[in-house]
Amino acid sequence: MKKFFSFAVLLSFVWNLILVVGVVLNMEYALPRAAGGQFETFPISIRILYVSTTFVVLYQLFIFLQILQNKPVKPTWMPKAFAYLGLLSIFMNAISRSTQEQINVIPAAIIAVAFFSASKRVSNK
């Protein structure tokens, strides 16, 4: 079960990266799945914001891989911070006007649960 869940988390990260890079590159597939699905083309300000979001997702992935390999995570509060960020992501996706963006609740929830679980293990080390 642990391997299955880890695989689901990694797939969720892949989905998030495909989506945020799609916004940065103004790809058509990302239009209904991000920023409320309200744009026909993403404004430069949104695209710049999503560049920083891409780096956050990459850092989340790095931290998750550290946890999977039982390596120390510094700072130790980072998994808990990412768990709360995941809760915010769940909420924001859930209230989206775009039904295609609402589906992003699923990977957001998977990642949030992974980081809540990891935050307990990291703080107990």
PDB file of N, CA and C in Angstrom:
ATOM      1  N   MET A   1       0.820  -1.200   0.000  1.00  0.00           N
ATOM      2  CA  MET A   1       0.000   0.000   0.000  1.00  0.00           C
ATOM      3  C   MET A   1       0.863   1.263   0.000  1.00  0.00           C
ATOM      4  N   LYS A   2       1.979   1.200   0.741  1.00  0.00           N
ATOM      5  CA  LYS A   2       2.859   2.364   0.809  1.00  0.00           C
ATOM      6  C   LYS A   2       3.437   2.692  -0.572  1.00  0.00           C
ATOM      7  N   LYS A   3       3.829   1.658  -1.318  1.00  0.00           N
ATOM      8  CA  LYS A   3       4.373   1.887  -2.661  1.00  0.00           C
ATOM      9  C   LYS A   3       3.307   2.448  -3.595  1.00  0.00           C
ATOM     10  N   PHE A   4       2.078   1.948  -3.467  1.00  0.00           N
ATOM     11  CA  PHE A   4       0.982   2.449  -4.293  1.00  0.00           C
ATOM     12  C   PHE A   4       0.729   3.924  -3.999  1.00  0.00           C
ATOM     13  N   PHE A   5       0.706   4.274  -2.710  1.00  0.00           N
ATOM     14  CA  PHE A   5       0.458   5.671  -2.341  1.00  0.00           C
ATOM     15  C   PHE A   5       1.609   6.561  -2.816  1.00  0.00           C
ATOM     16  N   SER A   6       2.838   6.099  -2.653  1.00  0.00           N
ATOM     17  CA  SER A   6       3.988   6.880  -3.131  1.00  0.00           C
ATOM     18  C   SER A   6       3.904   7.097  -4.635  1.00  0.00           C
ATOM     19  N   PHE A   7       3.477   6.074  -5.358  1.00  0.00           N
ATOM     20  CA  PHE A   7       3.297   6.200  -6.804  1.00  0.00           C
ATOM     21  C   PHE A   7       2.208   7.224  -7.117  1.00  0.00           C
ATOM     22  N   ALA A   8       1.113   7.198  -6.359  1.00  0.00           N
ATOM     23  CA  ALA A   8       0.028   8.169  -6.558  1.00  0.00           C
ATOM     24  C   ALA A   8       0.518   9.592  -6.287  1.00  0.00           C
ATOM     25  N   VAL A   9       1.358   9.751  -5.280  1.00  0.00           N
ATOM     26  CA  VAL A   9       1.910  11.077  -4.967  1.00  0.00           C
ATOM     27  C   VAL A   9       2.800  11.548  -6.114  1.00  0.00           C
ATOM     28  N   LEU A  10       3.654  10.668  -6.596  1.00  0.00           N
ATOM     29  CA  LEU A  10       4.535  11.043  -7.709  1.00  0.00           C
ATOM     30  C   LEU A  10       3.732  11.386  -8.961  1.00  0.00           C
ATOM     31  N   LEU A  11       2.678  10.626  -9.243  1.00  0.00           N
ATOM     32  CA  LEU A  11       1.805  10.956 -10.379  1.00  0.00           C
ATOM     33  C   LEU A  11       1.139  12.317 -10.184  1.00  0.00           C
ATOM     34  N   SER A  12       0.767  12.617  -8.956  1.00  0.00           N
ATOM     35  CA  SER A  12       0.156  13.917  -8.665  1.00  0.00           C
ATOM     36  C   SER A  12       1.141  15.048  -8.920  1.00  0.00           C
ATOM     37  N   PHE A  13       2.394  14.834  -8.547  1.00  0.00           N
ATOM     38  CA  PHE A  13       3.416  15.845  -8.838  1.00  0.00           C
ATOM     39  C   PHE A  13       3.614  16.012 -10.340  1.00  0.00           C
ATOM     40  N   VAL A  14       3.628  14.899 -11.062  1.00  0.00           N
ATOM     41  CA  VAL A  14       3.772  14.974 -12.523  1.00  0.00           C
ATOM     42  C   VAL A  14       2.623  15.781 -13.109  1.00  0.00           C
ATOM     43  N   TRP A  15       1.404  15.496 -12.667  1.00  0.00           N
ATOM     44  CA  TRP A  15       0.240  16.245 -13.155  1.00  0.00           C
ATOM     45  C   TRP A  15       0.398  17.736 -12.851  1.00  0.00           C
ATOM     46  N   ASN A  16       0.776  18.051 -11.605  1.00  0.00           N
ATOM     47  CA  ASN A  16       0.942  19.463 -11.231  1.00  0.00           C
ATOM     48  C   ASN A  16       1.995  20.146 -12.093  1.00  0.00           C
ATOM     49  N   LEU A  17       3.103  19.464 -12.328  1.00  0.00           N
ATOM     50  CA  LEU A  17       4.159  20.068 -13.152  1.00  0.00           C
ATOM     51  C   LEU A  17       3.701  20.267 -14.592  1.00  0.00           C
ATOM     52  N   ILE A  18       3.007  19.283 -15.138  1.00  0.00           N
ATOM     53  CA  ILE A  18       2.485  19.434 -16.503  1.00  0.00           C
ATOM     54  C   ILE A  18       1.544  20.629 -16.566  1.00  0.00           C
ATOM     55  N   LEU A  19       0.721  20.778 -15.550  1.00  0.00           N
ATOM     56  CA  LEU A  19      -0.251  21.869 -15.536  1.00  0.00           C
ATOM     57  C   LEU A  19       0.418  23.234 -15.379  1.00  0.00           C
ATOM     58  N   VAL A  20       1.310  23.380 -14.404  1.00  0.00           N
ATOM     59  CA  VAL A  20       1.908  24.703 -14.184  1.00  0.00           C
ATOM     60  C   VAL A  20       2.833  25.098 -15.331  1.00  0.00           C
ATOM     61  N   VAL A  21       3.553  24.146 -15.888  1.00  0.00           N
ATOM     62  CA  VAL A  21       4.386  24.453 -17.055  1.00  0.00           C
ATOM     63  C   VAL A  21       3.493  24.805 -18.246  1.00  0.00           C
ATOM     64  N   GLY A  22       2.347  24.148 -18.338  1.00  0.00           N
ATOM     65  CA  GLY A  22       1.390  24.480 -19.392  1.00  0.00           C
ATOM     66  C   GLY A  22       0.895  25.911 -19.296  1.00  0.00           C
ATOM     67  N   VAL A  23       0.706  26.393 -18.079  1.00  0.00           N
ATOM     68  CA  VAL A  23       0.305  27.797 -17.899  1.00  0.00           C
ATOM     69  C   VAL A  23       1.448  28.716 -18.306  1.00  0.00           C
ATOM     70  N   VAL A  24       2.649  28.413 -17.834  1.00  0.00           N
ATOM     71  CA  VAL A  24       3.815  29.246 -18.166  1.00  0.00           C
ATOM     72  C   VAL A  24       3.988  29.354 -19.676  1.00  0.00           C
ATOM     73  N   LEU A  25       3.795  28.240 -20.374  1.00  0.00           N
ATOM     74  CA  LEU A  25       3.977  28.214 -21.829  1.00  0.00           C
ATOM     75  C   LEU A  25       2.701  28.570 -22.593  1.00  0.00           C
ATOM     76  N   ASN A  26       1.644  28.920 -21.847  1.00  0.00           N
ATOM     77  CA  ASN A  26       0.368  29.327 -22.437  1.00  0.00           C
ATOM     78  C   ASN A  26      -0.213  28.232 -23.341  1.00  0.00           C
ATOM     79  N   MET A  27      -0.137  26.993 -22.874  1.00  0.00           N
ATOM     80  CA  MET A  27      -0.625  25.852 -23.644  1.00  0.00           C
ATOM     81  C   MET A  27      -2.151  25.763 -23.544  1.00  0.00           C
ATOM     82  N   GLU A  28      -2.757  25.356 -24.637  1.00  0.00           N
ATOM     83  CA  GLU A  28      -4.218  25.304 -24.711  1.00  0.00           C
ATOM     84  C   GLU A  28      -4.831  24.359 -23.679  1.00  0.00           C
ATOM     85  N   TYR A  29      -4.178  23.208 -23.422  1.00  0.00           N
ATOM     86  CA  TYR A  29      -4.740  22.247 -22.475  1.00  0.00           C
ATOM     87  C   TYR A  29      -4.850  22.813 -21.063  1.00  0.00           C
ATOM     88  N   ALA A  30      -4.032  23.807 -20.727  1.00  0.00           N
ATOM     89  CA  ALA A  30      -4.040  24.364 -19.376  1.00  0.00           C
ATOM     90  C   ALA A  30      -5.119  25.431 -19.172  1.00  0.00           C
ATOM     91  N   LEU A  31      -5.615  26.005 -20.243  1.00  0.00           N
ATOM     92  CA  LEU A  31      -6.559  27.127 -20.132  1.00  0.00           C
ATOM     93  C   LEU A  31      -7.775  26.826 -19.256  1.00  0.00           C
ATOM     94  N   PRO A  32      -8.480  25.712 -19.441  1.00  0.00           N
ATOM     95  CA  PRO A  32      -9.649  25.472 -18.588  1.00  0.00           C
ATOM     96  C   PRO A  32      -9.298  24.874 -17.224  1.00  0.00           C
ATOM     97  N   ARG A  33      -8.034  24.546 -17.003  1.00  0.00           N
ATOM     98  CA  ARG A  33      -7.630  23.825 -15.801  1.00  0.00           C
ATOM     99  C   ARG A  33      -6.874  24.676 -14.790  1.00  0.00           C
ATOM    100  N   ALA A  34      -6.708  25.968 -15.071  1.00  0.00           N
ATOM    101  CA  ALA A  34      -5.955  26.840 -14.163  1.00  0.00           C
ATOM    102  C   ALA A  34      -6.558  28.241 -14.177  1.00  0.00           C
ATOM    103  N   ALA A  35      -6.308  28.962 -13.094  1.00  0.00           N
ATOM    104  CA  ALA A  35      -6.750  30.363 -12.967  1.00  0.00           C
ATOM    105  C   ALA A  35      -8.249  30.513 -13.213  1.00  0.00           C
ATOM    106  N   GLY A  36      -9.010  29.565 -12.725  1.00  0.00           N
ATOM    107  CA  GLY A  36     -10.463  29.635 -12.842  1.00  0.00           C
ATOM    108  C   GLY A  36     -11.006  29.322 -14.214  1.00  0.00           C
ATOM    109  N   GLY A  37     -10.148  28.936 -15.137  1.00  0.00           N
ATOM    110  CA  GLY A  37     -10.589  28.633 -16.496  1.00  0.00           C
ATOM    111  C   GLY A  37     -11.161  29.832 -17.227  1.00  0.00           C
ATOM    112  N   GLN A  38     -10.777  31.025 -16.778  1.00  0.00           N
ATOM    113  CA  GLN A  38     -11.408  32.245 -17.290  1.00  0.00           C
ATOM    114  C   GLN A  38     -10.693  32.903 -18.462  1.00  0.00           C
ATOM    115  N   PHE A  39      -9.537  32.408 -18.825  1.00  0.00           N
ATOM    116  CA  PHE A  39      -8.750  33.087 -19.855  1.00  0.00           C
ATOM    117  C   PHE A  39      -8.753  32.320 -21.175  1.00  0.00           C
ATOM    118  N   GLU A  40      -8.733  33.079 -22.264  1.00  0.00           N
ATOM    119  CA  GLU A  40      -8.528  32.482 -23.587  1.00  0.00           C
ATOM    120  C   GLU A  40      -7.043  32.398 -23.886  1.00  0.00           C
ATOM    121  N   THR A  41      -6.282  33.229 -23.221  1.00  0.00           N
ATOM    122  CA  THR A  41      -4.821  33.187 -23.235  1.00  0.00           C
ATOM    123  C   THR A  41      -4.371  33.728 -21.880  1.00  0.00           C
ATOM    124  N   PHE A  42      -3.366  33.108 -21.289  1.00  0.00           N
ATOM    125  CA  PHE A  42      -2.935  33.541 -19.962  1.00  0.00           C
ATOM    126  C   PHE A  42      -2.179  34.866 -20.048  1.00  0.00           C
ATOM    127  N   PRO A  43      -2.561  35.845 -19.210  1.00  0.00           N
ATOM    128  CA  PRO A  43      -1.820  37.107 -19.178  1.00  0.00           C
ATOM    129  C   PRO A  43      -0.391  36.870 -18.681  1.00  0.00           C
ATOM    130  N   ILE A  44       0.494  37.741 -19.052  1.00  0.00           N
ATOM    131  CA  ILE A  44       1.904  37.598 -18.669  1.00  0.00           C
ATOM    132  C   ILE A  44       2.064  37.570 -17.152  1.00  0.00           C
ATOM    133  N   SER A  45       1.241  38.327 -16.427  1.00  0.00           N
ATOM    134  CA  SER A  45       1.344  38.341 -14.962  1.00  0.00           C
ATOM    135  C   SER A  45       1.036  36.961 -14.372  1.00  0.00           C
ATOM    136  N   ILE A  46       0.025  36.290 -14.898  1.00  0.00           N
ATOM    137  CA  ILE A  46      -0.317  34.934 -14.438  1.00  0.00           C
ATOM    138  C   ILE A  46       0.808  33.972 -14.798  1.00  0.00           C
ATOM    139  N   ARG A  47       1.348  34.124 -15.980  1.00  0.00           N
ATOM    140  CA  ARG A  47       2.416  33.226 -16.422  1.00  0.00           C
ATOM    141  C   ARG A  47       3.663  33.393 -15.555  1.00  0.00           C
ATOM    142  N   ILE A  48       3.974  34.627 -15.176  1.00  0.00           N
ATOM    143  CA  ILE A  48       5.121  34.873 -14.292  1.00  0.00           C
ATOM    144  C   ILE A  48       4.856  34.274 -12.912  1.00  0.00           C
ATOM    145  N   LEU A  49       3.642  34.447 -12.407  1.00  0.00           N
ATOM    146  CA  LEU A  49       3.270  33.852 -11.126  1.00  0.00           C
ATOM    147  C   LEU A  49       3.437  32.334 -11.171  1.00  0.00           C
ATOM    148  N   TYR A  50       3.070  31.733 -12.274  1.00  0.00           N
ATOM    149  CA  TYR A  50       3.178  30.282 -12.408  1.00  0.00           C
ATOM    150  C   TYR A  50       4.624  29.810 -12.583  1.00  0.00           C
ATOM    151  N   VAL A  51       5.523  30.692 -12.985  1.00  0.00           N
ATOM    152  CA  VAL A  51       6.951  30.328 -12.975  1.00  0.00           C
ATOM    153  C   VAL A  51       7.369  30.056 -11.535  1.00  0.00           C
ATOM    154  N   SER A  52       6.979  30.952 -10.626  1.00  0.00           N
ATOM    155  CA  SER A  52       7.322  30.738  -9.218  1.00  0.00           C
ATOM    156  C   SER A  52       6.603  29.503  -8.671  1.00  0.00           C
ATOM    157  N   THR A  53       5.375  29.280  -9.105  1.00  0.00           N
ATOM    158  CA  THR A  53       4.636  28.090  -8.686  1.00  0.00           C
ATOM    159  C   THR A  53       5.348  26.822  -9.151  1.00  0.00           C
ATOM    160  N   THR A  54       5.919  26.860 -10.338  1.00  0.00           N
ATOM    161  CA  THR A  54       6.680  25.713 -10.846  1.00  0.00           C
ATOM    162  C   THR A  54       7.842  25.389  -9.915  1.00  0.00           C
ATOM    163  N   PHE A  55       8.551  26.426  -9.456  1.00  0.00           N
ATOM    164  CA  PHE A  55       9.671  26.190  -8.542  1.00  0.00           C
ATOM    165  C   PHE A  55       9.198  25.645  -7.199  1.00  0.00           C
ATOM    166  N   VAL A  56       8.041  26.091  -6.725  1.00  0.00           N
ATOM    167  CA  VAL A  56       7.489  25.558  -5.475  1.00  0.00           C
ATOM    168  C   VAL A  56       7.164  24.074  -5.639  1.00  0.00           C
ATOM    169  N   VAL A  57       6.529  23.710  -6.739  1.00  0.00           N
ATOM    170  CA  VAL A  57       6.187  22.300  -6.979  1.00  0.00           C
ATOM    171  C   VAL A  57       7.464  21.460  -7.096  1.00  0.00           C
ATOM    172  N   LEU A  58       8.473  21.974  -7.769  1.00  0.00           N
ATOM    173  CA  LEU A  58       9.742  21.243  -7.868  1.00  0.00           C
ATOM    174  C   LEU A  58      10.384  21.070  -6.494  1.00  0.00           C
ATOM    175  N   TYR A  59      10.302  22.092  -5.651  1.00  0.00           N
ATOM    176  CA  TYR A  59      10.855  21.988  -4.297  1.00  0.00           C
ATOM    177  C   TYR A  59      10.046  20.983  -3.470  1.00  0.00           C
ATOM    178  N   GLN A  60       8.722  20.996  -3.634  1.00  0.00           N
ATOM    179  CA  GLN A  60       7.896  19.994  -2.957  1.00  0.00           C
ATOM    180  C   GLN A  60       8.320  18.584  -3.377  1.00  0.00           C
ATOM    181  N   LEU A  61       8.519  18.394  -4.657  1.00  0.00           N
ATOM    182  CA  LEU A  61       8.942  17.092  -5.167  1.00  0.00           C
ATOM    183  C   LEU A  61      10.296  16.699  -4.577  1.00  0.00           C
ATOM    184  N   PHE A  62      11.222  17.638  -4.522  1.00  0.00           N
ATOM    185  CA  PHE A  62      12.539  17.381  -3.930  1.00  0.00           C
ATOM    186  C   PHE A  62      12.398  16.934  -2.474  1.00  0.00           C
ATOM    187  N   ILE A  63      11.598  17.657  -1.696  1.00  0.00           N
ATOM    188  CA  ILE A  63      11.396  17.308  -0.284  1.00  0.00           C
ATOM    189  C   ILE A  63      10.742  15.928  -0.167  1.00  0.00           C
ATOM    190  N   PHE A  64       9.742  15.662  -1.002  1.00  0.00           N
ATOM    191  CA  PHE A  64       9.075  14.361  -0.951  1.00  0.00           C
ATOM    192  C   PHE A  64      10.059  13.236  -1.275  1.00  0.00           C
ATOM    193  N   LEU A  65      10.914  13.435  -2.261  1.00  0.00           N
ATOM    194  CA  LEU A  65      11.908  12.410  -2.601  1.00  0.00           C
ATOM    195  C   LEU A  65      12.900  12.206  -1.458  1.00  0.00           C
ATOM    196  N   GLN A  66      13.249  13.284  -0.753  1.00  0.00           N
ATOM    197  CA  GLN A  66      14.118  13.158   0.425  1.00  0.00           C
ATOM    198  C   GLN A  66      13.440  12.266   1.470  1.00  0.00           C
ATOM    199  N   ILE A  67      12.155  12.510   1.677  1.00  0.00           N
ATOM    200  CA  ILE A  67      11.399  11.730   2.660  1.00  0.00           C
ATOM    201  C   ILE A  67      11.322  10.262   2.235  1.00  0.00           C
ATOM    202  N   LEU A  68      11.057  10.014   0.960  1.00  0.00           N
ATOM    203  CA  LEU A  68      10.980   8.633   0.461  1.00  0.00           C
ATOM    204  C   LEU A  68      12.282   7.876   0.682  1.00  0.00           C
ATOM    205  N   GLN A  69      13.387   8.585   0.589  1.00  0.00           N
ATOM    206  CA  GLN A  69      14.702   7.960   0.736  1.00  0.00           C
ATOM    207  C   GLN A  69      15.195   7.992   2.181  1.00  0.00           C
ATOM    208  N   ASN A  70      14.317   8.391   3.098  1.00  0.00           N
ATOM    209  CA  ASN A  70      14.662   8.490   4.526  1.00  0.00           C
ATOM    210  C   ASN A  70      15.857   9.396   4.779  1.00  0.00           C
ATOM    211  N   LYS A  71      15.985  10.413   3.975  1.00  0.00           N
ATOM    212  CA  LYS A  71      17.042  11.401   4.177  1.00  0.00           C
ATOM    213  C   LYS A  71      16.499  12.527   5.047  1.00  0.00           C
ATOM    214  N   PRO A  72      17.376  13.215   5.760  1.00  0.00           N
ATOM    215  CA  PRO A  72      16.897  14.312   6.612  1.00  0.00           C
ATOM    216  C   PRO A  72      16.312  15.455   5.784  1.00  0.00           C
ATOM    217  N   VAL A  73      15.266  16.040   6.312  1.00  0.00           N
ATOM    218  CA  VAL A  73      14.607  17.167   5.657  1.00  0.00           C
ATOM    219  C   VAL A  73      14.903  18.418   6.474  1.00  0.00           C
ATOM    220  N   LYS A  74      15.452  19.394   5.820  1.00  0.00           N
ATOM    221  CA  LYS A  74      15.764  20.677   6.455  1.00  0.00           C
ATOM    222  C   LYS A  74      15.116  21.791   5.666  1.00  0.00           C
ATOM    223  N   PRO A  75      14.410  22.664   6.270  1.00  0.00           N
ATOM    224  CA  PRO A  75      14.006  22.675   7.671  1.00  0.00           C
ATOM    225  C   PRO A  75      12.930  21.623   7.946  1.00  0.00           C
ATOM    226  N   THR A  76      12.892  21.151   9.175  1.00  0.00           N
ATOM    227  CA  THR A  76      11.988  20.052   9.524  1.00  0.00           C
ATOM    228  C   THR A  76      10.515  20.444   9.448  1.00  0.00           C
ATOM    229  N   TRP A  77      10.218  21.719   9.488  1.00  0.00           N
ATOM    230  CA  TRP A  77       8.820  22.175   9.418  1.00  0.00           C
ATOM    231  C   TRP A  77       8.287  22.233   7.981  1.00  0.00           C
ATOM    232  N   MET A  78       9.138  22.023   7.003  1.00  0.00           N
ATOM    233  CA  MET A  78       8.719  22.164   5.606  1.00  0.00           C
ATOM    234  C   MET A  78       7.603  21.182   5.199  1.00  0.00           C
ATOM    235  N   PRO A  79       7.656  19.901   5.588  1.00  0.00           N
ATOM    236  CA  PRO A  79       6.535  19.023   5.214  1.00  0.00           C
ATOM    237  C   PRO A  79       5.191  19.515   5.761  1.00  0.00           C
ATOM    238  N   LYS A  80       5.192  20.027   6.987  1.00  0.00           N
ATOM    239  CA  LYS A  80       3.937  20.535   7.549  1.00  0.00           C
ATOM    240  C   LYS A  80       3.480  21.777   6.793  1.00  0.00           C
ATOM    241  N   ALA A  81       4.412  22.648   6.429  1.00  0.00           N
ATOM    242  CA  ALA A  81       4.058  23.842   5.647  1.00  0.00           C
ATOM    243  C   ALA A  81       3.468  23.431   4.302  1.00  0.00           C
ATOM    244  N   PHE A  82       4.054  22.431   3.663  1.00  0.00           N
ATOM    245  CA  PHE A  82       3.523  21.956   2.385  1.00  0.00           C
ATOM    246  C   PHE A  82       2.167  21.270   2.564  1.00  0.00           C
ATOM    247  N   ALA A  83       1.954  20.638   3.701  1.00  0.00           N
ATOM    248  CA  ALA A  83       0.645  20.037   3.971  1.00  0.00           C
ATOM    249  C   ALA A  83      -0.426  21.121   4.039  1.00  0.00           C
ATOM    250  N   TYR A  84      -0.132  22.207   4.740  1.00  0.00           N
ATOM    251  CA  TYR A  84      -1.098  23.308   4.826  1.00  0.00           C
ATOM    252  C   TYR A  84      -1.267  24.011   3.480  1.00  0.00           C
ATOM    253  N   LEU A  85      -0.195  24.115   2.731  1.00  0.00           N
ATOM    254  CA  LEU A  85      -0.308  24.652   1.374  1.00  0.00           C
ATOM    255  C   LEU A  85      -1.217  23.751   0.533  1.00  0.00           C
ATOM    256  N   GLY A  86      -1.125  22.457   0.757  1.00  0.00           N
ATOM    257  CA  GLY A  86      -1.999  21.509   0.071  1.00  0.00           C
ATOM    258  C   GLY A  86      -3.464  21.718   0.428  1.00  0.00           C
ATOM    259  N   LEU A  87      -3.733  22.008   1.705  1.00  0.00           N
ATOM    260  CA  LEU A  87      -5.114  22.301   2.109  1.00  0.00           C
ATOM    261  C   LEU A  87      -5.636  23.545   1.407  1.00  0.00           C
ATOM    262  N   LEU A  88      -4.788  24.551   1.310  1.00  0.00           N
ATOM    263  CA  LEU A  88      -5.176  25.769   0.590  1.00  0.00           C
ATOM    264  C   LEU A  88      -5.445  25.451  -0.878  1.00  0.00           C
ATOM    265  N   SER A  89      -4.608  24.624  -1.461  1.00  0.00           N
ATOM    266  CA  SER A  89      -4.781  24.231  -2.860  1.00  0.00           C
ATOM    267  C   SER A  89      -6.087  23.464  -3.064  1.00  0.00           C
ATOM    268  N   ILE A  90      -6.404  22.574  -2.137  1.00  0.00           N
ATOM    269  CA  ILE A  90      -7.672  21.839  -2.213  1.00  0.00           C
ATOM    270  C   ILE A  90      -8.833  22.822  -2.219  1.00  0.00           C
ATOM    271  N   PHE A  91      -8.814  23.760  -1.279  1.00  0.00           N
ATOM    272  CA  PHE A  91      -9.894  24.740  -1.169  1.00  0.00           C
ATOM    273  C   PHE A  91     -10.017  25.582  -2.432  1.00  0.00           C
ATOM    274  N   MET A  92      -8.897  26.117  -2.909  1.00  0.00           N
ATOM    275  CA  MET A  92      -8.929  26.998  -4.084  1.00  0.00           C
ATOM    276  C   MET A  92      -9.412  26.251  -5.327  1.00  0.00           C
ATOM    277  N   ASN A  93      -8.978  25.022  -5.493  1.00  0.00           N
ATOM    278  CA  ASN A  93      -9.442  24.239  -6.643  1.00  0.00           C
ATOM    279  C   ASN A  93     -10.922  23.878  -6.508  1.00  0.00           C
ATOM    280  N   ALA A  94     -11.349  23.593  -5.291  1.00  0.00           N
ATOM    281  CA  ALA A  94     -12.745  23.202  -5.073  1.00  0.00           C
ATOM    282  C   ALA A  94     -13.718  24.338  -5.376  1.00  0.00           C
ATOM    283  N   ILE A  95     -13.318  25.582  -5.120  1.00  0.00           N
ATOM    284  CA  ILE A  95     -14.237  26.708  -5.345  1.00  0.00           C
ATOM    285  C   ILE A  95     -14.104  27.310  -6.740  1.00  0.00           C
ATOM    286  N   SER A  96     -13.272  26.727  -7.568  1.00  0.00           N
ATOM    287  CA  SER A  96     -13.056  27.254  -8.916  1.00  0.00           C
ATOM    288  C   SER A  96     -14.348  27.243  -9.730  1.00  0.00           C
ATOM    289  N   ARG A  97     -14.470  28.217 -10.612  1.00  0.00           N
ATOM    290  CA  ARG A  97     -15.600  28.265 -11.546  1.00  0.00           C
ATOM    291  C   ARG A  97     -15.476  27.181 -12.612  1.00  0.00           C
ATOM    292  N   SER A  98     -14.271  26.705 -12.820  1.00  0.00           N
ATOM    293  CA  SER A  98     -14.008  25.711 -13.862  1.00  0.00           C
ATOM    294  C   SER A  98     -14.121  24.299 -13.289  1.00  0.00           C
ATOM    295  N   THR A  99     -15.021  23.507 -13.860  1.00  0.00           N
ATOM    296  CA  THR A  99     -15.142  22.121 -13.397  1.00  0.00           C
ATOM    297  C   THR A  99     -13.871  21.329 -13.698  1.00  0.00           C
ATOM    298  N   GLN A 100     -13.167  21.691 -14.760  1.00  0.00           N
ATOM    299  CA  GLN A 100     -11.909  20.997 -15.066  1.00  0.00           C
ATOM    300  C   GLN A 100     -10.830  21.346 -14.044  1.00  0.00           C
ATOM    301  N   GLU A 101     -10.881  22.555 -13.505  1.00  0.00           N
ATOM    302  CA  GLU A 101      -9.923  22.917 -12.457  1.00  0.00           C
ATOM    303  C   GLU A 101     -10.301  22.258 -11.133  1.00  0.00           C
ATOM    304  N   GLN A 102     -11.575  22.050 -10.901  1.00  0.00           N
ATOM    305  CA  GLN A 102     -12.011  21.404  -9.663  1.00  0.00           C
ATOM    306  C   GLN A 102     -11.442  19.994  -9.541  1.00  0.00           C
ATOM    307  N   ILE A 103     -11.182  19.351 -10.657  1.00  0.00           N
ATOM    308  CA  ILE A 103     -10.602  18.003 -10.641  1.00  0.00           C
ATOM    309  C   ILE A 103      -9.210  18.013  -9.999  1.00  0.00           C
ATOM    310  N   ASN A 104      -8.553  19.167 -10.020  1.00  0.00           N
ATOM    311  CA  ASN A 104      -7.224  19.276  -9.413  1.00  0.00           C
ATOM    312  C   ASN A 104      -7.256  19.083  -7.901  1.00  0.00           C
ATOM    313  N   VAL A 105      -8.453  19.013  -7.319  1.00  0.00           N
ATOM    314  CA  VAL A 105      -8.581  18.704  -5.895  1.00  0.00           C
ATOM    315  C   VAL A 105      -7.955  17.340  -5.605  1.00  0.00           C
ATOM    316  N   ILE A 106      -8.085  16.415  -6.534  1.00  0.00           N
ATOM    317  CA  ILE A 106      -7.608  15.044  -6.296  1.00  0.00           C
ATOM    318  C   ILE A 106      -6.091  15.001  -6.096  1.00  0.00           C
ATOM    319  N   PRO A 107      -5.284  15.502  -7.046  1.00  0.00           N
ATOM    320  CA  PRO A 107      -3.841  15.468  -6.782  1.00  0.00           C
ATOM    321  C   PRO A 107      -3.442  16.358  -5.605  1.00  0.00           C
ATOM    322  N   ALA A 108      -4.150  17.464  -5.409  1.00  0.00           N
ATOM    323  CA  ALA A 108      -3.834  18.335  -4.270  1.00  0.00           C
ATOM    324  C   ALA A 108      -4.060  17.598  -2.954  1.00  0.00           C
ATOM    325  N   ALA A 109      -5.139  16.840  -2.875  1.00  0.00           N
ATOM    326  CA  ALA A 109      -5.436  16.085  -1.656  1.00  0.00           C
ATOM    327  C   ALA A 109      -4.409  14.978  -1.424  1.00  0.00           C
ATOM    328  N   ILE A 110      -4.029  14.299  -2.479  1.00  0.00           N
ATOM    329  CA  ILE A 110      -3.032  13.226  -2.354  1.00  0.00           C
ATOM    330  C   ILE A 110      -1.717  13.792  -1.825  1.00  0.00           C
ATOM    331  N   ILE A 111      -1.284  14.909  -2.381  1.00  0.00           N
ATOM    332  CA  ILE A 111      -0.025  15.527  -1.944  1.00  0.00           C
ATOM    333  C   ILE A 111      -0.148  16.048  -0.515  1.00  0.00           C
ATOM    334  N   ALA A 112      -1.285  16.652  -0.175  1.00  0.00           N
ATOM    335  CA  ALA A 112      -1.480  17.169   1.183  1.00  0.00           C
ATOM    336  C   ALA A 112      -1.420  16.038   2.211  1.00  0.00           C
ATOM    337  N   VAL A 113      -2.094  14.930   1.934  1.00  0.00           N
ATOM    338  CA  VAL A 113      -2.072  13.784   2.851  1.00  0.00           C
ATOM    339  C   VAL A 113      -0.647  13.257   2.996  1.00  0.00           C
ATOM    340  N   ALA A 114       0.078  13.189   1.897  1.00  0.00           N
ATOM    341  CA  ALA A 114       1.466  12.710   1.947  1.00  0.00           C
ATOM    342  C   ALA A 114       2.315  13.595   2.848  1.00  0.00           C
ATOM    343  N   PHE A 115       2.148  14.904   2.726  1.00  0.00           N
ATOM    344  CA  PHE A 115       2.958  15.802   3.552  1.00  0.00           C
ATOM    345  C   PHE A 115       2.497  15.821   5.006  1.00  0.00           C
ATOM    346  N   PHE A 116       1.198  15.667   5.273  1.00  0.00           N
ATOM    347  CA  PHE A 116       0.753  15.563   6.670  1.00  0.00           C
ATOM    348  C   PHE A 116       1.339  14.312   7.306  1.00  0.00           C
ATOM    349  N   SER A 117       1.300  13.210   6.580  1.00  0.00           N
ATOM    350  CA  SER A 117       1.876  11.967   7.074  1.00  0.00           C
ATOM    351  C   SER A 117       3.381  12.112   7.289  1.00  0.00           C
ATOM    352  N   ALA A 118       4.046  12.712   6.331  1.00  0.00           N
ATOM    353  CA  ALA A 118       5.502  12.889   6.420  1.00  0.00           C
ATOM    354  C   ALA A 118       5.880  13.840   7.545  1.00  0.00           C
ATOM    355  N   SER A 119       5.055  14.844   7.798  1.00  0.00           N
ATOM    356  CA  SER A 119       5.393  15.815   8.845  1.00  0.00           C
ATOM    357  C   SER A 119       5.460  15.138  10.206  1.00  0.00           C
ATOM    358  N   LYS A 120       4.658  14.121  10.416  1.00  0.00           N
ATOM    359  CA  LYS A 120       4.700  13.381  11.676  1.00  0.00           C
ATOM    360  C   LYS A 120       5.985  12.555  11.775  1.00  0.00           C
ATOM    361  N   ARG A 121       6.395  11.947  10.665  1.00  0.00           N
ATOM    362  CA  ARG A 121       7.619  11.140  10.667  1.00  0.00           C
ATOM    363  C   ARG A 121       8.858  12.012  10.802  1.00  0.00           C
ATOM    364  N   VAL A 122       8.870  13.157  10.123  1.00  0.00           N
ATOM    365  CA  VAL A 122      10.042  14.046  10.169  1.00  0.00           C
ATOM    366  C   VAL A 122      10.210  14.622  11.565  1.00  0.00           C
ATOM    367  N   SER A 123       9.105  15.004  12.210  1.00  0.00           N
ATOM    368  CA  SER A 123       9.204  15.609  13.538  1.00  0.00           C
ATOM    369  C   SER A 123       9.555  14.581  14.611  1.00  0.00           C
ATOM    370  N   ASN A 124       9.311  13.288  14.333  1.00  0.00           N
ATOM    371  CA  ASN A 124       9.625  12.236  15.299  1.00  0.00           C
ATOM    372  C   ASN A 124      11.057  11.733  15.189  1.00  0.00           C
ATOM    373  N   LYS A 125      11.800  12.174  14.183  1.00  0.00           N
ATOM    374  CA  LYS A 125      13.184  11.694  14.011  1.00  0.00           C
ATOM    375  C   LYS A 125      14.121  12.430  14.928  1.00  0.00           C
TER     376      LYS A 125
END
